[in-house]
Amino acid sequence: MAFIGHRCACGHNDLNHTKSDTGKQICTAKAGASCGKSCKSQSESEVMPTFDRRGLRIKRVIAPGDGLETESGSPVVRTCACDACQALYEQLAPAA
């Protein structure tokens, strides 16, 4: 499934980011470690494609605020549910 989110100035999506104790945004795209690039949130929402094990694109878009599930079916992270992500999802929903 694809999800709607934001891409940081470092190039990674918002699911790869956490906030430190001081509130600073940190990219954890390198196996949980910082990617080493500076992070600054981008405001535009975009559809982030995902792929199955064979490398085929999964076309379904999950609703903003829903969780991306692991193979066991339990959500690990929740996608962004901001107004911009909701609006983009509503635009795509009739096509899905």
PDB file of N, CA and C in Angstrom:
ATOM      1  N   MET A   1       0.832  -1.169   0.000  1.00  0.00           N
ATOM      2  CA  MET A   1       0.000   0.000   0.000  1.00  0.00           C
ATOM      3  C   MET A   1       0.877   1.231   0.000  1.00  0.00           C
ATOM      4  N   ALA A   2       0.372   2.276  -0.554  1.00  0.00           N
ATOM      5  CA  ALA A   2       1.076   3.551  -0.524  1.00  0.00           C
ATOM      6  C   ALA A   2       0.545   4.347   0.664  1.00  0.00           C
ATOM      7  N   PHE A   3       1.297   5.322   1.099  1.00  0.00           N
ATOM      8  CA  PHE A   3       0.806   6.185   2.158  1.00  0.00           C
ATOM      9  C   PHE A   3       1.080   7.628   1.791  1.00  0.00           C
ATOM     10  N   ILE A   4       0.362   8.522   2.422  1.00  0.00           N
ATOM     11  CA  ILE A   4       0.520   9.943   2.177  1.00  0.00           C
ATOM     12  C   ILE A   4       1.317  10.519   3.327  1.00  0.00           C
ATOM     13  N   GLY A   5       2.326  11.287   3.002  1.00  0.00           N
ATOM     14  CA  GLY A   5       3.169  11.878   4.032  1.00  0.00           C
ATOM     15  C   GLY A   5       3.938  13.053   3.484  1.00  0.00           C
ATOM     16  N   HIS A   6       4.983  13.402   4.175  1.00  0.00           N
ATOM     17  CA  HIS A   6       5.822  14.550   3.818  1.00  0.00           C
ATOM     18  C   HIS A   6       7.255  14.075   3.652  1.00  0.00           C
ATOM     19  N   ARG A   7       7.993  14.758   2.806  1.00  0.00           N
ATOM     20  CA  ARG A   7       9.407  14.448   2.624  1.00  0.00           C
ATOM     21  C   ARG A   7      10.212  15.581   3.269  1.00  0.00           C
ATOM     22  N   CYS A   8      11.212  15.211   3.990  1.00  0.00           N
ATOM     23  CA  CYS A   8      12.090  16.169   4.663  1.00  0.00           C
ATOM     24  C   CYS A   8      13.094  16.731   3.647  1.00  0.00           C
ATOM     25  N   ALA A   9      13.728  17.823   3.994  1.00  0.00           N
ATOM     26  CA  ALA A   9      14.764  18.401   3.126  1.00  0.00           C
ATOM     27  C   ALA A   9      15.928  17.434   2.913  1.00  0.00           C
ATOM     28  N   CYS A  10      16.105  16.464   3.837  1.00  0.00           N
ATOM     29  CA  CYS A  10      17.179  15.478   3.672  1.00  0.00           C
ATOM     30  C   CYS A  10      16.804  14.433   2.612  1.00  0.00           C
ATOM     31  N   GLY A  11      15.522  14.426   2.197  1.00  0.00           N
ATOM     32  CA  GLY A  11      15.088  13.510   1.154  1.00  0.00           C
ATOM     33  C   GLY A  11      14.310  12.315   1.649  1.00  0.00           C
ATOM     34  N   HIS A  12      14.330  12.061   2.948  1.00  0.00           N
ATOM     35  CA  HIS A  12      13.614  10.910   3.511  1.00  0.00           C
ATOM     36  C   HIS A  12      12.213  11.313   3.923  1.00  0.00           C
ATOM     37  N   ASN A  13      11.299  10.334   3.994  1.00  0.00           N
ATOM     38  CA  ASN A  13       9.921  10.651   4.361  1.00  0.00           C
ATOM     39  C   ASN A  13       9.770  10.824   5.865  1.00  0.00           C
ATOM     40  N   ASP A  14       8.622  11.363   6.255  1.00  0.00           N
ATOM     41  CA  ASP A  14       8.414  11.687   7.665  1.00  0.00           C
ATOM     42  C   ASP A  14       8.353  10.465   8.579  1.00  0.00           C
ATOM     43  N   LEU A  15       8.139   9.279   8.044  1.00  0.00           N
ATOM     44  CA  LEU A  15       8.151   8.077   8.879  1.00  0.00           C
ATOM     45  C   LEU A  15       9.556   7.740   9.354  1.00  0.00           C
ATOM     46  N   ASN A  16      10.572   8.323   8.708  1.00  0.00           N
ATOM     47  CA  ASN A  16      11.963   8.105   9.095  1.00  0.00           C
ATOM     48  C   ASN A  16      12.458   9.164  10.075  1.00  0.00           C
ATOM     49  N   HIS A  17      11.551   9.941  10.627  1.00  0.00           N
ATOM     50  CA  HIS A  17      11.954  11.030  11.509  1.00  0.00           C
ATOM     51  C   HIS A  17      11.303  10.928  12.879  1.00  0.00           C
ATOM     52  N   THR A  18      12.057  11.316  13.872  1.00  0.00           N
ATOM     53  CA  THR A  18      11.556  11.406  15.238  1.00  0.00           C
ATOM     54  C   THR A  18      12.011  12.751  15.793  1.00  0.00           C
ATOM     55  N   LYS A  19      11.480  13.111  16.934  1.00  0.00           N
ATOM     56  CA  LYS A  19      11.931  14.340  17.600  1.00  0.00           C
ATOM     57  C   LYS A  19      12.767  13.960  18.813  1.00  0.00           C
ATOM     58  N   SER A  20      13.855  14.693  18.995  1.00  0.00           N
ATOM     59  CA  SER A  20      14.719  14.459  20.153  1.00  0.00           C
ATOM     60  C   SER A  20      14.050  15.032  21.397  1.00  0.00           C
ATOM     61  N   ASP A  21      14.681  14.826  22.531  1.00  0.00           N
ATOM     62  CA  ASP A  21      14.163  15.363  23.793  1.00  0.00           C
ATOM     63  C   ASP A  21      14.073  16.881  23.761  1.00  0.00           C
ATOM     64  N   THR A  22      14.909  17.499  22.938  1.00  0.00           N
ATOM     65  CA  THR A  22      14.905  18.968  22.840  1.00  0.00           C
ATOM     66  C   THR A  22      13.944  19.465  21.763  1.00  0.00           C
ATOM     67  N   GLY A  23      13.256  18.551  21.077  1.00  0.00           N
ATOM     68  CA  GLY A  23      12.294  18.936  20.047  1.00  0.00           C
ATOM     69  C   GLY A  23      12.891  19.041  18.651  1.00  0.00           C
ATOM     70  N   LYS A  24      14.183  18.763  18.520  1.00  0.00           N
ATOM     71  CA  LYS A  24      14.839  18.818  17.214  1.00  0.00           C
ATOM     72  C   LYS A  24      14.464  17.590  16.397  1.00  0.00           C
ATOM     73  N   GLN A  25      14.165  17.794  15.120  1.00  0.00           N
ATOM     74  CA  GLN A  25      13.811  16.686  14.243  1.00  0.00           C
ATOM     75  C   GLN A  25      15.064  15.935  13.834  1.00  0.00           C
ATOM     76  N   ILE A  26      15.025  14.605  13.952  1.00  0.00           N
ATOM     77  CA  ILE A  26      16.169  13.757  13.643  1.00  0.00           C
ATOM     78  C   ILE A  26      15.746  12.706  12.627  1.00  0.00           C
ATOM     79  N   CYS A  27      16.542  12.543  11.573  1.00  0.00           N
ATOM     80  CA  CYS A  27      16.290  11.514  10.570  1.00  0.00           C
ATOM     81  C   CYS A  27      16.922  10.215  11.044  1.00  0.00           C
ATOM     82  N   THR A  28      16.153   9.127  10.987  1.00  0.00           N
ATOM     83  CA  THR A  28      16.661   7.821  11.427  1.00  0.00           C
ATOM     84  C   THR A  28      16.628   6.810  10.275  1.00  0.00           C
ATOM     85  N   ALA A  29      16.836   7.298   9.057  1.00  0.00           N
ATOM     86  CA  ALA A  29      16.711   6.445   7.876  1.00  0.00           C
ATOM     87  C   ALA A  29      17.862   5.449   7.706  1.00  0.00           C
ATOM     88  N   LYS A  30      18.974   5.652   8.354  1.00  0.00           N
ATOM     89  CA  LYS A  30      20.108   4.728   8.232  1.00  0.00           C
ATOM     90  C   LYS A  30      20.058   3.716   9.366  1.00  0.00           C
ATOM     91  N   ALA A  31      19.146   2.760   9.259  1.00  0.00           N
ATOM     92  CA  ALA A  31      19.005   1.688  10.252  1.00  0.00           C
ATOM     93  C   ALA A  31      18.880   2.234  11.668  1.00  0.00           C
ATOM     94  N   GLY A  32      18.098   3.305  11.808  1.00  0.00           N
ATOM     95  CA  GLY A  32      17.875   3.900  13.119  1.00  0.00           C
ATOM     96  C   GLY A  32      18.854   4.994  13.479  1.00  0.00           C
ATOM     97  N   ALA A  33      19.901   5.151  12.678  1.00  0.00           N
ATOM     98  CA  ALA A  33      20.884   6.207  12.929  1.00  0.00           C
ATOM     99  C   ALA A  33      20.615   7.387  11.996  1.00  0.00           C
ATOM    100  N   SER A  34      21.159   8.525  12.323  1.00  0.00           N
ATOM    101  CA  SER A  34      20.970   9.731  11.520  1.00  0.00           C
ATOM    102  C   SER A  34      21.560   9.546  10.120  1.00  0.00           C
ATOM    103  N   CYS A  35      20.889  10.135   9.137  1.00  0.00           N
ATOM    104  CA  CYS A  35      21.407  10.067   7.764  1.00  0.00           C
ATOM    105  C   CYS A  35      22.544  11.065   7.570  1.00  0.00           C
ATOM    106  N   GLY A  36      22.710  11.998   8.518  1.00  0.00           N
ATOM    107  CA  GLY A  36      23.809  12.943   8.456  1.00  0.00           C
ATOM    108  C   GLY A  36      23.491  14.227   7.718  1.00  0.00           C
ATOM    109  N   LYS A  37      22.304  14.304   7.122  1.00  0.00           N
ATOM    110  CA  LYS A  37      21.910  15.522   6.415  1.00  0.00           C
ATOM    111  C   LYS A  37      21.022  16.354   7.324  1.00  0.00           C
ATOM    112  N   SER A  38      20.950  17.663   7.043  1.00  0.00           N
ATOM    113  CA  SER A  38      20.121  18.505   7.901  1.00  0.00           C
ATOM    114  C   SER A  38      18.645  18.259   7.605  1.00  0.00           C
ATOM    115  N   CYS A  39      17.835  18.317   8.640  1.00  0.00           N
ATOM    116  CA  CYS A  39      16.404  18.042   8.516  1.00  0.00           C
ATOM    117  C   CYS A  39      15.595  19.317   8.631  1.00  0.00           C
ATOM    118  N   LYS A  40      14.674  19.453   7.721  1.00  0.00           N
ATOM    119  CA  LYS A  40      13.740  20.572   7.733  1.00  0.00           C
ATOM    120  C   LYS A  40      12.474  20.063   7.063  1.00  0.00           C
ATOM    121  N   SER A  41      11.360  20.149   7.770  1.00  0.00           N
ATOM    122  CA  SER A  41      10.105  19.631   7.234  1.00  0.00           C
ATOM    123  C   SER A  41       9.680  20.369   5.977  1.00  0.00           C
ATOM    124  N   GLN A  42       9.137  19.623   5.059  1.00  0.00           N
ATOM    125  CA  GLN A  42       8.532  20.191   3.860  1.00  0.00           C
ATOM    126  C   GLN A  42       7.031  20.213   4.084  1.00  0.00           C
ATOM    127  N   SER A  43       6.357  21.210   3.583  1.00  0.00           N
ATOM    128  CA  SER A  43       4.934  21.349   3.889  1.00  0.00           C
ATOM    129  C   SER A  43       4.023  20.555   2.953  1.00  0.00           C
ATOM    130  N   GLU A  44       4.454  20.275   1.743  1.00  0.00           N
ATOM    131  CA  GLU A  44       3.584  19.601   0.786  1.00  0.00           C
ATOM    132  C   GLU A  44       3.459  18.112   1.085  1.00  0.00           C
ATOM    133  N   SER A  45       2.238  17.623   0.989  1.00  0.00           N
ATOM    134  CA  SER A  45       1.991  16.189   1.147  1.00  0.00           C
ATOM    135  C   SER A  45       2.211  15.504  -0.190  1.00  0.00           C
ATOM    136  N   GLU A  46       2.631  14.251  -0.143  1.00  0.00           N
ATOM    137  CA  GLU A  46       2.789  13.486  -1.378  1.00  0.00           C
ATOM    138  C   GLU A  46       2.489  12.021  -1.112  1.00  0.00           C
ATOM    139  N   VAL A  47       2.184  11.307  -2.178  1.00  0.00           N
ATOM    140  CA  VAL A  47       1.940   9.876  -2.069  1.00  0.00           C
ATOM    141  C   VAL A  47       3.285   9.175  -2.113  1.00  0.00           C
ATOM    142  N   MET A  48       3.551   8.379  -1.090  1.00  0.00           N
ATOM    143  CA  MET A  48       4.793   7.613  -1.007  1.00  0.00           C
ATOM    144  C   MET A  48       4.482   6.180  -1.425  1.00  0.00           C
ATOM    145  N   PRO A  49       5.003   5.743  -2.553  1.00  0.00           N
ATOM    146  CA  PRO A  49       4.699   4.377  -2.996  1.00  0.00           C
ATOM    147  C   PRO A  49       5.402   3.341  -2.128  1.00  0.00           C
ATOM    148  N   THR A  50       4.803   2.178  -2.049  1.00  0.00           N
ATOM    149  CA  THR A  50       5.432   1.041  -1.397  1.00  0.00           C
ATOM    150  C   THR A  50       5.384  -0.133  -2.355  1.00  0.00           C
ATOM    151  N   PHE A  51       6.211  -1.120  -2.090  1.00  0.00           N
ATOM    152  CA  PHE A  51       6.364  -2.235  -3.017  1.00  0.00           C
ATOM    153  C   PHE A  51       6.284  -3.557  -2.266  1.00  0.00           C
ATOM    154  N   ASP A  52       5.816  -4.583  -2.978  1.00  0.00           N
ATOM    155  CA  ASP A  52       5.763  -5.904  -2.355  1.00  0.00           C
ATOM    156  C   ASP A  52       7.133  -6.579  -2.466  1.00  0.00           C
ATOM    157  N   ARG A  53       7.232  -7.809  -2.012  1.00  0.00           N
ATOM    158  CA  ARG A  53       8.515  -8.517  -2.012  1.00  0.00           C
ATOM    159  C   ARG A  53       9.095  -8.736  -3.403  1.00  0.00           C
ATOM    160  N   ARG A  54       8.242  -8.748  -4.414  1.00  0.00           N
ATOM    161  CA  ARG A  54       8.717  -8.932  -5.791  1.00  0.00           C
ATOM    162  C   ARG A  54       9.090  -7.613  -6.451  1.00  0.00           C
ATOM    163  N   GLY A  55       8.916  -6.500  -5.709  1.00  0.00           N
ATOM    164  CA  GLY A  55       9.248  -5.198  -6.263  1.00  0.00           C
ATOM    165  C   GLY A  55       8.108  -4.558  -7.033  1.00  0.00           C
ATOM    166  N   LEU A  56       6.908  -5.140  -6.945  1.00  0.00           N
ATOM    167  CA  LEU A  56       5.755  -4.576  -7.634  1.00  0.00           C
ATOM    168  C   LEU A  56       5.098  -3.514  -6.767  1.00  0.00           C
ATOM    169  N   ARG A  57       4.720  -2.422  -7.381  1.00  0.00           N
ATOM    170  CA  ARG A  57       4.107  -1.312  -6.659  1.00  0.00           C
ATOM    171  C   ARG A  57       2.723  -1.703  -6.138  1.00  0.00           C
ATOM    172  N   ILE A  58       2.451  -1.377  -4.876  1.00  0.00           N
ATOM    173  CA  ILE A  58       1.144  -1.627  -4.282  1.00  0.00           C
ATOM    174  C   ILE A  58       0.317  -0.360  -4.460  1.00  0.00           C
ATOM    175  N   LYS A  59      -0.824  -0.479  -5.102  1.00  0.00           N
ATOM    176  CA  LYS A  59      -1.584   0.701  -5.497  1.00  0.00           C
ATOM    177  C   LYS A  59      -2.501   1.259  -4.424  1.00  0.00           C
ATOM    178  N   ARG A  60      -2.928   0.444  -3.463  1.00  0.00           N
ATOM    179  CA  ARG A  60      -3.857   0.939  -2.453  1.00  0.00           C
ATOM    180  C   ARG A  60      -3.186   2.005  -1.589  1.00  0.00           C
ATOM    181  N   VAL A  61      -3.912   3.093  -1.319  1.00  0.00           N
ATOM    182  CA  VAL A  61      -3.415   4.168  -0.461  1.00  0.00           C
ATOM    183  C   VAL A  61      -4.132   4.067   0.878  1.00  0.00           C
ATOM    184  N   ILE A  62      -3.367   3.966   1.952  1.00  0.00           N
ATOM    185  CA  ILE A  62      -4.015   3.883   3.257  1.00  0.00           C
ATOM    186  C   ILE A  62      -4.407   5.284   3.729  1.00  0.00           C
ATOM    187  N   ALA A  63      -5.445   5.346   4.513  1.00  0.00           N
ATOM    188  CA  ALA A  63      -5.970   6.626   4.996  1.00  0.00           C
ATOM    189  C   ALA A  63      -4.974   7.292   5.949  1.00  0.00           C
ATOM    190  N   PRO A  64      -4.872   8.625   5.893  1.00  0.00           N
ATOM    191  CA  PRO A  64      -4.005   9.330   6.836  1.00  0.00           C
ATOM    192  C   PRO A  64      -4.386   9.016   8.282  1.00  0.00           C
ATOM    193  N   GLY A  65      -3.387   8.796   9.106  1.00  0.00           N
ATOM    194  CA  GLY A  65      -3.607   8.456  10.506  1.00  0.00           C
ATOM    195  C   GLY A  65      -3.680   6.966  10.766  1.00  0.00           C
ATOM    196  N   ASP A  66      -3.827   6.175   9.698  1.00  0.00           N
ATOM    197  CA  ASP A  66      -3.821   4.717   9.864  1.00  0.00           C
ATOM    198  C   ASP A  66      -2.385   4.238  10.042  1.00  0.00           C
ATOM    199  N   GLY A  67      -2.243   3.034  10.543  1.00  0.00           N
ATOM    200  CA  GLY A  67      -0.920   2.482  10.772  1.00  0.00           C
ATOM    201  C   GLY A  67      -0.435   1.639   9.616  1.00  0.00           C
ATOM    202  N   LEU A  68       0.860   1.678   9.382  1.00  0.00           N
ATOM    203  CA  LEU A  68       1.489   0.767   8.435  1.00  0.00           C
ATOM    204  C   LEU A  68       1.733  -0.521   9.190  1.00  0.00           C
ATOM    205  N   GLU A  69       1.224  -1.616   8.669  1.00  0.00           N
ATOM    206  CA  GLU A  69       1.301  -2.885   9.388  1.00  0.00           C
ATOM    207  C   GLU A  69       2.542  -3.682   9.043  1.00  0.00           C
ATOM    208  N   THR A  70       2.993  -4.442  10.005  1.00  0.00           N
ATOM    209  CA  THR A  70       4.086  -5.376   9.787  1.00  0.00           C
ATOM    210  C   THR A  70       3.480  -6.676   9.255  1.00  0.00           C
ATOM    211  N   GLU A  71       4.306  -7.653   8.980  1.00  0.00           N
ATOM    212  CA  GLU A  71       3.800  -8.937   8.504  1.00  0.00           C
ATOM    213  C   GLU A  71       2.910  -9.617   9.529  1.00  0.00           C
ATOM    214  N   SER A  72       3.088  -9.287  10.811  1.00  0.00           N
ATOM    215  CA  SER A  72       2.253  -9.873  11.853  1.00  0.00           C
ATOM    216  C   SER A  72       0.899  -9.179  11.961  1.00  0.00           C
ATOM    217  N   GLY A  73       0.742  -8.055  11.254  1.00  0.00           N
ATOM    218  CA  GLY A  73      -0.532  -7.346  11.250  1.00  0.00           C
ATOM    219  C   GLY A  73      -0.659  -6.245  12.278  1.00  0.00           C
ATOM    220  N   SER A  74       0.375  -6.036  13.088  1.00  0.00           N
ATOM    221  CA  SER A  74       0.292  -4.970  14.091  1.00  0.00           C
ATOM    222  C   SER A  74       0.911  -3.683  13.545  1.00  0.00           C
ATOM    223  N   PRO A  75       0.209  -2.540  13.719  1.00  0.00           N
ATOM    224  CA  PRO A  75       0.768  -1.286  13.209  1.00  0.00           C
ATOM    225  C   PRO A  75       2.008  -0.866  13.978  1.00  0.00           C
ATOM    226  N   VAL A  76       3.033  -0.483  13.245  1.00  0.00           N
ATOM    227  CA  VAL A  76       4.278  -0.052  13.855  1.00  0.00           C
ATOM    228  C   VAL A  76       4.292   1.470  13.972  1.00  0.00           C
ATOM    229  N   VAL A  77       3.931   2.136  12.915  1.00  0.00           N
ATOM    230  CA  VAL A  77       3.911   3.600  12.890  1.00  0.00           C
ATOM    231  C   VAL A  77       2.593   4.073  12.298  1.00  0.00           C
ATOM    232  N   ARG A  78       2.222   5.266  12.638  1.00  0.00           N
ATOM    233  CA  ARG A  78       1.010   5.879  12.100  1.00  0.00           C
ATOM    234  C   ARG A  78       1.406   6.948  11.101  1.00  0.00           C
ATOM    235  N   THR A  79       0.648   7.052  10.025  1.00  0.00           N
ATOM    236  CA  THR A  79       0.927   8.059   9.014  1.00  0.00           C
ATOM    237  C   THR A  79       0.382   9.410   9.453  1.00  0.00           C
ATOM    238  N   CYS A  80       0.840  10.464   8.799  1.00  0.00           N
ATOM    239  CA  CYS A  80       0.440  11.827   9.129  1.00  0.00           C
ATOM    240  C   CYS A  80      -1.044  12.024   8.840  1.00  0.00           C
ATOM    241  N   ALA A  81      -1.725  12.697   9.748  1.00  0.00           N
ATOM    242  CA  ALA A  81      -3.162  12.950   9.582  1.00  0.00           C
ATOM    243  C   ALA A  81      -3.457  14.449   9.513  1.00  0.00           C
ATOM    244  N   CYS A  82      -2.484  15.252   9.071  1.00  0.00           N
ATOM    245  CA  CYS A  82      -2.695  16.698   8.990  1.00  0.00           C
ATOM    246  C   CYS A  82      -3.735  17.016   7.912  1.00  0.00           C
ATOM    247  N   ASP A  83      -4.199  18.251   7.887  1.00  0.00           N
ATOM    248  CA  ASP A  83      -5.228  18.662   6.927  1.00  0.00           C
ATOM    249  C   ASP A  83      -4.783  18.477   5.476  1.00  0.00           C
ATOM    250  N   ALA A  84      -3.507  18.764   5.188  1.00  0.00           N
ATOM    251  CA  ALA A  84      -3.002  18.619   3.816  1.00  0.00           C
ATOM    252  C   ALA A  84      -3.011  17.158   3.375  1.00  0.00           C
ATOM    253  N   CYS A  85      -2.636  16.250   4.273  1.00  0.00           N
ATOM    254  CA  CYS A  85      -2.645  14.822   3.943  1.00  0.00           C
ATOM    255  C   CYS A  85      -4.074  14.316   3.774  1.00  0.00           C
ATOM    256  N   GLN A  86      -4.976  14.783   4.625  1.00  0.00           N
ATOM    257  CA  GLN A  86      -6.391  14.407   4.498  1.00  0.00           C
ATOM    258  C   GLN A  86      -6.958  14.873   3.166  1.00  0.00           C
ATOM    259  N   ALA A  87      -6.640  16.112   2.764  1.00  0.00           N
ATOM    260  CA  ALA A  87      -7.151  16.666   1.502  1.00  0.00           C
ATOM    261  C   ALA A  87      -6.636  15.868   0.306  1.00  0.00           C
ATOM    262  N   LEU A  88      -5.356  15.508   0.308  1.00  0.00           N
ATOM    263  CA  LEU A  88      -4.802  14.719  -0.795  1.00  0.00           C
ATOM    264  C   LEU A  88      -5.457  13.345  -0.849  1.00  0.00           C
ATOM    265  N   TYR A  89      -5.678  12.730   0.306  1.00  0.00           N
ATOM    266  CA  TYR A  89      -6.339  11.426   0.351  1.00  0.00           C
ATOM    267  C   TYR A  89      -7.754  11.518  -0.222  1.00  0.00           C
ATOM    268  N   GLU A  90      -8.475  12.566   0.109  1.00  0.00           N
ATOM    269  CA  GLU A  90      -9.844  12.742  -0.397  1.00  0.00           C
ATOM    270  C   GLU A  90      -9.853  12.923  -1.917  1.00  0.00           C
ATOM    271  N   GLN A  91      -8.818  13.564  -2.455  1.00  0.00           N
ATOM    272  CA  GLN A  91      -8.693  13.701  -3.913  1.00  0.00           C
ATOM    273  C   GLN A  91      -8.461  12.345  -4.573  1.00  0.00           C
ATOM    274  N   LEU A  92      -7.682  11.496  -3.900  1.00  0.00           N
ATOM    275  CA  LEU A  92      -7.321  10.188  -4.465  1.00  0.00           C
ATOM    276  C   LEU A  92      -8.369   9.111  -4.197  1.00  0.00           C
ATOM    277  N   ALA A  93      -9.161   9.275  -3.155  1.00  0.00           N
ATOM    278  CA  ALA A  93     -10.106   8.241  -2.736  1.00  0.00           C
ATOM    279  C   ALA A  93     -11.049   7.778  -3.836  1.00  0.00           C
ATOM    280  N   PRO A  94     -11.642   8.674  -4.641  1.00  0.00           N
ATOM    281  CA  PRO A  94     -12.529   8.177  -5.705  1.00  0.00           C
ATOM    282  C   PRO A  94     -11.807   7.287  -6.712  1.00  0.00           C
ATOM    283  N   ALA A  95     -10.521   7.528  -6.903  1.00  0.00           N
ATOM    284  CA  ALA A  95      -9.754   6.741  -7.869  1.00  0.00           C
ATOM    285  C   ALA A  95      -9.336   5.394  -7.294  1.00  0.00           C
ATOM    286  N   ALA A  96      -9.339   5.291  -5.976  1.00  0.00           N
ATOM    287  CA  ALA A  96      -8.866   4.043  -5.331  1.00  0.00           C
ATOM    288  C   ALA A  96      -9.917   2.971  -5.324  1.00  0.00           C
TER     289      ALA A  96
END
